[in-house]
Amino acid sequence: MTRADNVLNMQITIANCMKQEWNIDFSKVSDLLDKYDLLSYIDTCYEEYNSMGIKGILKDLKSYINAIEETI
Protein backbone atom coordinates (compact mmCIF):
# COMPACT_ATOMS: atom_id res chain seq x y z
CA MET A 1 0.00 0.00 0.00
CA THR A 2 1.12 3.52 -0.67
CA ARG A 3 1.36 6.24 1.97
CA ALA A 4 -1.78 7.83 0.50
CA ASP A 5 -3.67 4.54 0.94
CA ASN A 6 -2.48 4.24 4.53
CA VAL A 7 -3.44 7.85 5.31
CA LEU A 8 -6.91 7.29 3.86
CA ASN A 9 -7.28 4.16 5.97
CA MET A 10 -6.26 6.12 9.06
CA GLN A 11 -8.65 8.97 8.25
CA ILE A 12 -11.57 6.55 7.91
CA THR A 13 -10.65 4.78 11.15
CA ILE A 14 -10.34 8.07 13.04
CA ALA A 15 -13.69 9.33 11.67
CA ASN A 16 -15.37 6.14 12.93
CA CYS A 17 -13.70 6.51 16.32
CA MET A 18 -14.75 10.17 16.54
CA LYS A 19 -18.35 9.06 16.04
CA GLN A 20 -18.14 6.38 18.70
CA GLU A 21 -15.95 8.06 21.31
CA TRP A 22 -17.49 11.52 21.03
CA ASN A 23 -21.02 10.11 20.70
CA ILE A 24 -21.84 12.15 17.59
CA ASP A 25 -23.39 11.18 14.27
CA PHE A 26 -21.55 11.02 10.95
CA SER A 27 -23.07 14.33 9.87
CA LYS A 28 -21.38 16.06 12.81
CA VAL A 29 -18.14 14.15 12.14
CA SER A 30 -18.25 15.39 8.54
CA ASP A 31 -18.91 18.96 9.70
CA LEU A 32 -15.88 18.81 12.04
CA LEU A 33 -13.65 17.30 9.35
CA ASP A 34 -14.61 20.12 6.97
CA LYS A 35 -14.69 23.04 9.41
CA TYR A 36 -11.25 22.32 10.89
CA ASP A 37 -9.67 20.70 7.80
CA LEU A 38 -8.98 17.63 9.92
CA LEU A 39 -8.25 15.35 6.97
CA SER A 40 -5.24 17.49 6.05
CA TYR A 41 -4.20 17.64 9.69
CA ILE A 42 -4.39 13.84 9.97
CA ASP A 43 -2.27 13.56 6.82
CA THR A 44 0.31 15.92 8.32
CA CYS A 45 0.37 13.96 11.60
CA TYR A 46 0.26 10.52 9.95
CA GLU A 47 3.75 9.40 10.99
CA GLU A 48 3.31 10.63 14.57
CA TYR A 49 -0.17 9.10 14.81
CA ASN A 50 1.24 5.71 13.81
CA SER A 51 2.92 5.49 17.19
CA MET A 52 -0.11 6.70 19.18
CA GLY A 53 -3.23 4.96 20.38
CA ILE A 54 -6.65 6.16 19.27
CA LYS A 55 -7.34 7.92 22.58
CA GLY A 56 -4.16 9.96 22.15
CA ILE A 57 -5.08 10.80 18.57
CA LEU A 58 -8.58 11.93 19.56
CA LYS A 59 -7.11 14.00 22.41
CA ASP A 60 -4.73 15.65 19.94
CA LEU A 61 -7.59 16.39 17.53
CA LYS A 62 -9.61 18.00 20.34
CA SER A 63 -6.58 20.12 21.28
CA TYR A 64 -6.16 21.14 17.64
CA ILE A 65 -9.84 22.08 17.36
CA ASN A 66 -9.66 24.05 20.62
CA ALA A 67 -6.55 25.91 19.46
CA ILE A 68 -8.31 26.95 16.26
CA GLU A 69 -11.40 28.04 18.20
CA GLU A 70 -9.25 30.22 20.46
CA THR A 71 -7.81 32.10 17.49
CA ILE A 72 -11.21 32.82 15.93
PDB file of N, CA and C in Angstrom:
ATOM      1  N   MET A   1       0.837  -1.198   0.000  1.00  0.00           N
ATOM      2  CA  MET A   1       0.000   0.000   0.000  1.00  0.00           C
ATOM      3  C   MET A   1       0.872   1.249   0.000  1.00  0.00           C
ATOM      4  N   THR A   2       0.390   2.263  -0.644  1.00  0.00           N
ATOM      5  CA  THR A   2       1.115   3.525  -0.669  1.00  0.00           C
ATOM      6  C   THR A   2       0.829   4.320   0.605  1.00  0.00           C
ATOM      7  N   ARG A   3       1.603   5.362   0.815  1.00  0.00           N
ATOM      8  CA  ARG A   3       1.363   6.236   1.967  1.00  0.00           C
ATOM      9  C   ARG A   3      -0.037   6.816   1.885  1.00  0.00           C
ATOM     10  N   ALA A   4      -0.451   7.243   0.686  1.00  0.00           N
ATOM     11  CA  ALA A   4      -1.784   7.832   0.504  1.00  0.00           C
ATOM     12  C   ALA A   4      -2.881   6.837   0.906  1.00  0.00           C
ATOM     13  N   ASP A   5      -2.705   5.569   0.546  1.00  0.00           N
ATOM     14  CA  ASP A   5      -3.672   4.539   0.940  1.00  0.00           C
ATOM     15  C   ASP A   5      -3.716   4.383   2.456  1.00  0.00           C
ATOM     16  N   ASN A   6      -2.550   4.385   3.077  1.00  0.00           N
ATOM     17  CA  ASN A   6      -2.477   4.245   4.531  1.00  0.00           C
ATOM     18  C   ASN A   6      -3.089   5.445   5.245  1.00  0.00           C
ATOM     19  N   VAL A   7      -2.849   6.638   4.719  1.00  0.00           N
ATOM     20  CA  VAL A   7      -3.435   7.848   5.307  1.00  0.00           C
ATOM     21  C   VAL A   7      -4.957   7.782   5.208  1.00  0.00           C
ATOM     22  N   LEU A   8      -5.466   7.407   4.047  1.00  0.00           N
ATOM     23  CA  LEU A   8      -6.914   7.291   3.862  1.00  0.00           C
ATOM     24  C   LEU A   8      -7.498   6.285   4.840  1.00  0.00           C
ATOM     25  N   ASN A   9      -6.842   5.156   5.001  1.00  0.00           N
ATOM     26  CA  ASN A   9      -7.277   4.156   5.973  1.00  0.00           C
ATOM     27  C   ASN A   9      -7.343   4.746   7.374  1.00  0.00           C
ATOM     28  N   MET A  10      -6.303   5.500   7.746  1.00  0.00           N
ATOM     29  CA  MET A  10      -6.262   6.118   9.065  1.00  0.00           C
ATOM     30  C   MET A  10      -7.382   7.149   9.212  1.00  0.00           C
ATOM     31  N   GLN A  11      -7.607   7.955   8.194  1.00  0.00           N
ATOM     32  CA  GLN A  11      -8.654   8.972   8.250  1.00  0.00           C
ATOM     33  C   GLN A  11     -10.021   8.335   8.466  1.00  0.00           C
ATOM     34  N   ILE A  12     -10.292   7.250   7.766  1.00  0.00           N
ATOM     35  CA  ILE A  12     -11.574   6.550   7.915  1.00  0.00           C
ATOM     36  C   ILE A  12     -11.708   5.971   9.322  1.00  0.00           C
ATOM     37  N   THR A  13     -10.641   5.363   9.807  1.00  0.00           N
ATOM     38  CA  THR A  13     -10.654   4.782  11.152  1.00  0.00           C
ATOM     39  C   THR A  13     -10.887   5.857  12.205  1.00  0.00           C
ATOM     40  N   ILE A  14     -10.200   6.981  12.069  1.00  0.00           N
ATOM     41  CA  ILE A  14     -10.340   8.072  13.037  1.00  0.00           C
ATOM     42  C   ILE A  14     -11.754   8.644  12.982  1.00  0.00           C
ATOM     43  N   ALA A  15     -12.318   8.815  11.795  1.00  0.00           N
ATOM     44  CA  ALA A  15     -13.686   9.326  11.674  1.00  0.00           C
ATOM     45  C   ALA A  15     -14.671   8.405  12.399  1.00  0.00           C
ATOM     46  N   ASN A  16     -14.502   7.095  12.230  1.00  0.00           N
ATOM     47  CA  ASN A  16     -15.368   6.144  12.930  1.00  0.00           C
ATOM     48  C   ASN A  16     -15.195   6.242  14.447  1.00  0.00           C
ATOM     49  N   CYS A  17     -13.972   6.394  14.887  1.00  0.00           N
ATOM     50  CA  CYS A  17     -13.703   6.515  16.320  1.00  0.00           C
ATOM     51  C   CYS A  17     -14.244   7.823  16.880  1.00  0.00           C
ATOM     52  N   MET A  18     -14.163   8.899  16.101  1.00  0.00           N
ATOM     53  CA  MET A  18     -14.750  10.172  16.539  1.00  0.00           C
ATOM     54  C   MET A  18     -16.238   9.986  16.807  1.00  0.00           C
ATOM     55  N   LYS A  19     -16.915   9.311  15.888  1.00  0.00           N
ATOM     56  CA  LYS A  19     -18.346   9.065  16.037  1.00  0.00           C
ATOM     57  C   LYS A  19     -18.627   8.298  17.323  1.00  0.00           C
ATOM     58  N   GLN A  20     -17.892   7.234  17.547  1.00  0.00           N
ATOM     59  CA  GLN A  20     -18.138   6.381  18.704  1.00  0.00           C
ATOM     60  C   GLN A  20     -17.713   7.028  20.018  1.00  0.00           C
ATOM     61  N   GLU A  21     -16.495   7.524  20.056  1.00  0.00           N
ATOM     62  CA  GLU A  21     -15.946   8.056  21.310  1.00  0.00           C
ATOM     63  C   GLU A  21     -16.577   9.382  21.717  1.00  0.00           C
ATOM     64  N   TRP A  22     -16.923  10.209  20.740  1.00  0.00           N
ATOM     65  CA  TRP A  22     -17.493  11.516  21.032  1.00  0.00           C
ATOM     66  C   TRP A  22     -19.017  11.487  20.994  1.00  0.00           C
ATOM     67  N   ASN A  23     -19.581  10.310  20.710  1.00  0.00           N
ATOM     68  CA  ASN A  23     -21.023  10.111  20.701  1.00  0.00           C
ATOM     69  C   ASN A  23     -21.732  11.140  19.808  1.00  0.00           C
ATOM     70  N   ILE A  24     -21.242  11.242  18.565  1.00  0.00           N
ATOM     71  CA  ILE A  24     -21.836  12.147  17.586  1.00  0.00           C
ATOM     72  C   ILE A  24     -22.166  11.345  16.328  1.00  0.00           C
ATOM     73  N   ASP A  25     -23.049  11.896  15.499  1.00  0.00           N
ATOM     74  CA  ASP A  25     -23.388  11.179  14.268  1.00  0.00           C
ATOM     75  C   ASP A  25     -22.407  11.552  13.161  1.00  0.00           C
ATOM     76  N   PHE A  26     -22.500  10.802  12.043  1.00  0.00           N
ATOM     77  CA  PHE A  26     -21.549  11.022  10.951  1.00  0.00           C
ATOM     78  C   PHE A  26     -21.695  12.401  10.317  1.00  0.00           C
ATOM     79  N   SER A  27     -22.889  12.975  10.389  1.00  0.00           N
ATOM     80  CA  SER A  27     -23.073  14.327   9.866  1.00  0.00           C
ATOM     81  C   SER A  27     -22.211  15.326  10.644  1.00  0.00           C
ATOM     82  N   LYS A  28     -22.201  15.188  11.963  1.00  0.00           N
ATOM     83  CA  LYS A  28     -21.377  16.059  12.815  1.00  0.00           C
ATOM     84  C   LYS A  28     -19.891  15.783  12.590  1.00  0.00           C
ATOM     85  N   VAL A  29     -19.535  14.505  12.436  1.00  0.00           N
ATOM     86  CA  VAL A  29     -18.142  14.152  12.138  1.00  0.00           C
ATOM     87  C   VAL A  29     -17.717  14.842  10.844  1.00  0.00           C
ATOM     88  N   SER A  30     -18.554  14.752   9.822  1.00  0.00           N
ATOM     89  CA  SER A  30     -18.253  15.386   8.536  1.00  0.00           C
ATOM     90  C   SER A  30     -18.103  16.896   8.682  1.00  0.00           C
ATOM     91  N   ASP A  31     -18.989  17.512   9.464  1.00  0.00           N
ATOM     92  CA  ASP A  31     -18.906  18.955   9.705  1.00  0.00           C
ATOM     93  C   ASP A  31     -17.571  19.320  10.354  1.00  0.00           C
ATOM     94  N   LEU A  32     -17.157  18.539  11.359  1.00  0.00           N
ATOM     95  CA  LEU A  32     -15.884  18.812  12.042  1.00  0.00           C
ATOM     96  C   LEU A  32     -14.700  18.620  11.097  1.00  0.00           C
ATOM     97  N   LEU A  33     -14.733  17.556  10.304  1.00  0.00           N
ATOM     98  CA  LEU A  33     -13.650  17.304   9.355  1.00  0.00           C
ATOM     99  C   LEU A  33     -13.506  18.468   8.384  1.00  0.00           C
ATOM    100  N   ASP A  34     -14.636  18.998   7.918  1.00  0.00           N
ATOM    101  CA  ASP A  34     -14.605  20.120   6.971  1.00  0.00           C
ATOM    102  C   ASP A  34     -14.226  21.433   7.645  1.00  0.00           C
ATOM    103  N   LYS A  35     -14.888  21.748   8.738  1.00  0.00           N
ATOM    104  CA  LYS A  35     -14.688  23.039   9.408  1.00  0.00           C
ATOM    105  C   LYS A  35     -13.239  23.253   9.844  1.00  0.00           C
ATOM    106  N   TYR A  36     -12.617  22.198  10.342  1.00  0.00           N
ATOM    107  CA  TYR A  36     -11.255  22.318  10.886  1.00  0.00           C
ATOM    108  C   TYR A  36     -10.195  21.696   9.978  1.00  0.00           C
ATOM    109  N   ASP A  37     -10.582  21.307   8.775  1.00  0.00           N
ATOM    110  CA  ASP A  37      -9.668  20.697   7.804  1.00  0.00           C
ATOM    111  C   ASP A  37      -8.880  19.544   8.443  1.00  0.00           C
ATOM    112  N   LEU A  38      -9.618  18.699   9.163  1.00  0.00           N
ATOM    113  CA  LEU A  38      -8.977  17.626   9.919  1.00  0.00           C
ATOM    114  C   LEU A  38      -8.344  16.563   9.037  1.00  0.00           C
ATOM    115  N   LEU A  39      -8.865  16.353   7.835  1.00  0.00           N
ATOM    116  CA  LEU A  39      -8.251  15.347   6.966  1.00  0.00           C
ATOM    117  C   LEU A  39      -6.823  15.740   6.609  1.00  0.00           C
ATOM    118  N   SER A  40      -6.605  17.011   6.330  1.00  0.00           N
ATOM    119  CA  SER A  40      -5.241  17.486   6.049  1.00  0.00           C
ATOM    120  C   SER A  40      -4.367  17.390   7.293  1.00  0.00           C
ATOM    121  N   TYR A  41      -4.952  17.710   8.438  1.00  0.00           N
ATOM    122  CA  TYR A  41      -4.198  17.636   9.687  1.00  0.00           C
ATOM    123  C   TYR A  41      -3.787  16.189   9.980  1.00  0.00           C
ATOM    124  N   ILE A  42      -4.707  15.253   9.769  1.00  0.00           N
ATOM    125  CA  ILE A  42      -4.390  13.836   9.974  1.00  0.00           C
ATOM    126  C   ILE A  42      -3.273  13.407   9.024  1.00  0.00           C
ATOM    127  N   ASP A  43      -3.336  13.866   7.787  1.00  0.00           N
ATOM    128  CA  ASP A  43      -2.274  13.561   6.817  1.00  0.00           C
ATOM    129  C   ASP A  43      -0.934  14.086   7.313  1.00  0.00           C
ATOM    130  N   THR A  44      -0.917  15.311   7.807  1.00  0.00           N
ATOM    131  CA  THR A  44       0.309  15.925   8.322  1.00  0.00           C
ATOM    132  C   THR A  44       0.856  15.141   9.522  1.00  0.00           C
ATOM    133  N   CYS A  45      -0.039  14.650  10.367  1.00  0.00           N
ATOM    134  CA  CYS A  45       0.366  13.957  11.596  1.00  0.00           C
ATOM    135  C   CYS A  45       0.479  12.452  11.416  1.00  0.00           C
ATOM    136  N   TYR A  46       0.338  11.958  10.211  1.00  0.00           N
ATOM    137  CA  TYR A  46       0.264  10.516   9.954  1.00  0.00           C
ATOM    138  C   TYR A  46       1.392   9.730  10.629  1.00  0.00           C
ATOM    139  N   GLU A  47       2.613  10.146  10.421  1.00  0.00           N
ATOM    140  CA  GLU A  47       3.746   9.402  10.986  1.00  0.00           C
ATOM    141  C   GLU A  47       3.689   9.391  12.514  1.00  0.00           C
ATOM    142  N   GLU A  48       3.406  10.536  13.111  1.00  0.00           N
ATOM    143  CA  GLU A  48       3.311  10.625  14.573  1.00  0.00           C
ATOM    144  C   GLU A  48       2.135   9.787  15.085  1.00  0.00           C
ATOM    145  N   TYR A  49       1.010   9.849  14.393  1.00  0.00           N
ATOM    146  CA  TYR A  49      -0.173   9.100  14.814  1.00  0.00           C
ATOM    147  C   TYR A  49       0.050   7.593  14.751  1.00  0.00           C
ATOM    148  N   ASN A  50       0.958   7.138  13.898  1.00  0.00           N
ATOM    149  CA  ASN A  50       1.239   5.708  13.806  1.00  0.00           C
ATOM    150  C   ASN A  50       1.766   5.141  15.107  1.00  0.00           C
ATOM    151  N   SER A  51       2.366   5.980  15.932  1.00  0.00           N
ATOM    152  CA  SER A  51       2.922   5.494  17.189  1.00  0.00           C
ATOM    153  C   SER A  51       2.037   5.834  18.387  1.00  0.00           C
ATOM    154  N   MET A  52       0.818   6.322  18.118  1.00  0.00           N
ATOM    155  CA  MET A  52      -0.106   6.703  19.184  1.00  0.00           C
ATOM    156  C   MET A  52      -1.321   5.787  19.166  1.00  0.00           C
ATOM    157  N   GLY A  53      -1.946   5.655  20.305  1.00  0.00           N
ATOM    158  CA  GLY A  53      -3.230   4.960  20.379  1.00  0.00           C
ATOM    159  C   GLY A  53      -4.348   5.905  19.965  1.00  0.00           C
ATOM    160  N   ILE A  54      -5.526   5.348  19.752  1.00  0.00           N
ATOM    161  CA  ILE A  54      -6.645   6.162  19.274  1.00  0.00           C
ATOM    162  C   ILE A  54      -7.058   7.219  20.292  1.00  0.00           C
ATOM    163  N   LYS A  55      -6.969   6.914  21.565  1.00  0.00           N
ATOM    164  CA  LYS A  55      -7.338   7.921  22.577  1.00  0.00           C
ATOM    165  C   LYS A  55      -6.399   9.123  22.517  1.00  0.00           C
ATOM    166  N   GLY A  56      -5.115   8.873  22.299  1.00  0.00           N
ATOM    167  CA  GLY A  56      -4.159   9.964  22.152  1.00  0.00           C
ATOM    168  C   GLY A  56      -4.407  10.779  20.898  1.00  0.00           C
ATOM    169  N   ILE A  57      -4.773  10.100  19.825  1.00  0.00           N
ATOM    170  CA  ILE A  57      -5.076  10.796  18.571  1.00  0.00           C
ATOM    171  C   ILE A  57      -6.307  11.682  18.751  1.00  0.00           C
ATOM    172  N   LEU A  58      -7.361  11.147  19.358  1.00  0.00           N
ATOM    173  CA  LEU A  58      -8.579  11.934  19.563  1.00  0.00           C
ATOM    174  C   LEU A  58      -8.317  13.109  20.505  1.00  0.00           C
ATOM    175  N   LYS A  59      -7.480  12.899  21.501  1.00  0.00           N
ATOM    176  CA  LYS A  59      -7.109  14.000  22.408  1.00  0.00           C
ATOM    177  C   LYS A  59      -6.368  15.094  21.637  1.00  0.00           C
ATOM    178  N   ASP A  60      -5.452  14.685  20.751  1.00  0.00           N
ATOM    179  CA  ASP A  60      -4.727  15.651  19.938  1.00  0.00           C
ATOM    180  C   ASP A  60      -5.677  16.418  19.020  1.00  0.00           C
ATOM    181  N   LEU A  61      -6.629  15.713  18.416  1.00  0.00           N
ATOM    182  CA  LEU A  61      -7.594  16.386  17.534  1.00  0.00           C
ATOM    183  C   LEU A  61      -8.430  17.403  18.308  1.00  0.00           C
ATOM    184  N   LYS A  62      -8.839  17.047  19.514  1.00  0.00           N
ATOM    185  CA  LYS A  62      -9.608  18.005  20.338  1.00  0.00           C
ATOM    186  C   LYS A  62      -8.745  19.227  20.674  1.00  0.00           C
ATOM    187  N   SER A  63      -7.491  19.001  20.996  1.00  0.00           N
ATOM    188  CA  SER A  63      -6.581  20.123  21.283  1.00  0.00           C
ATOM    189  C   SER A  63      -6.417  21.008  20.062  1.00  0.00           C
ATOM    190  N   TYR A  64      -6.286  20.404  18.898  1.00  0.00           N
ATOM    191  CA  TYR A  64      -6.156  21.138  17.640  1.00  0.00           C
ATOM    192  C   TYR A  64      -7.407  21.973  17.373  1.00  0.00           C
ATOM    193  N   ILE A  65      -8.577  21.364  17.548  1.00  0.00           N
ATOM    194  CA  ILE A  65      -9.843  22.078  17.355  1.00  0.00           C
ATOM    195  C   ILE A  65      -9.934  23.244  18.339  1.00  0.00           C
ATOM    196  N   ASN A  66      -9.610  22.991  19.606  1.00  0.00           N
ATOM    197  CA  ASN A  66      -9.663  24.049  20.615  1.00  0.00           C
ATOM    198  C   ASN A  66      -8.707  25.190  20.306  1.00  0.00           C
ATOM    199  N   ALA A  67      -7.525  24.871  19.805  1.00  0.00           N
ATOM    200  CA  ALA A  67      -6.551  25.906  19.457  1.00  0.00           C
ATOM    201  C   ALA A  67      -7.076  26.782  18.318  1.00  0.00           C
ATOM    202  N   ILE A  68      -7.724  26.172  17.358  1.00  0.00           N
ATOM    203  CA  ILE A  68      -8.314  26.949  16.259  1.00  0.00           C
ATOM    204  C   ILE A  68      -9.431  27.822  16.783  1.00  0.00           C
ATOM    205  N   GLU A  69     -10.276  27.275  17.641  1.00  0.00           N
ATOM    206  CA  GLU A  69     -11.401  28.035  18.204  1.00  0.00           C
ATOM    207  C   GLU A  69     -10.899  29.257  18.983  1.00  0.00           C
ATOM    208  N   GLU A  70      -9.796  29.113  19.674  1.00  0.00           N
ATOM    209  CA  GLU A  70      -9.250  30.222  20.462  1.00  0.00           C
ATOM    210  C   GLU A  70      -8.749  31.356  19.576  1.00  0.00           C
ATOM    211  N   THR A  71      -8.338  31.052  18.365  1.00  0.00           N
ATOM    212  CA  THR A  71      -7.815  32.095  17.485  1.00  0.00           C
ATOM    213  C   THR A  71      -8.908  32.782  16.675  1.00  0.00           C
ATOM    214  N   ILE A  72     -10.106  32.227  16.709  1.00  0.00           N
ATOM    215  CA  ILE A  72     -11.210  32.822  15.932  1.00  0.00           C
ATOM    216  C   ILE A  72     -11.872  33.915  16.728  1.00  0.00           C
TER     217      ILE A  72
END
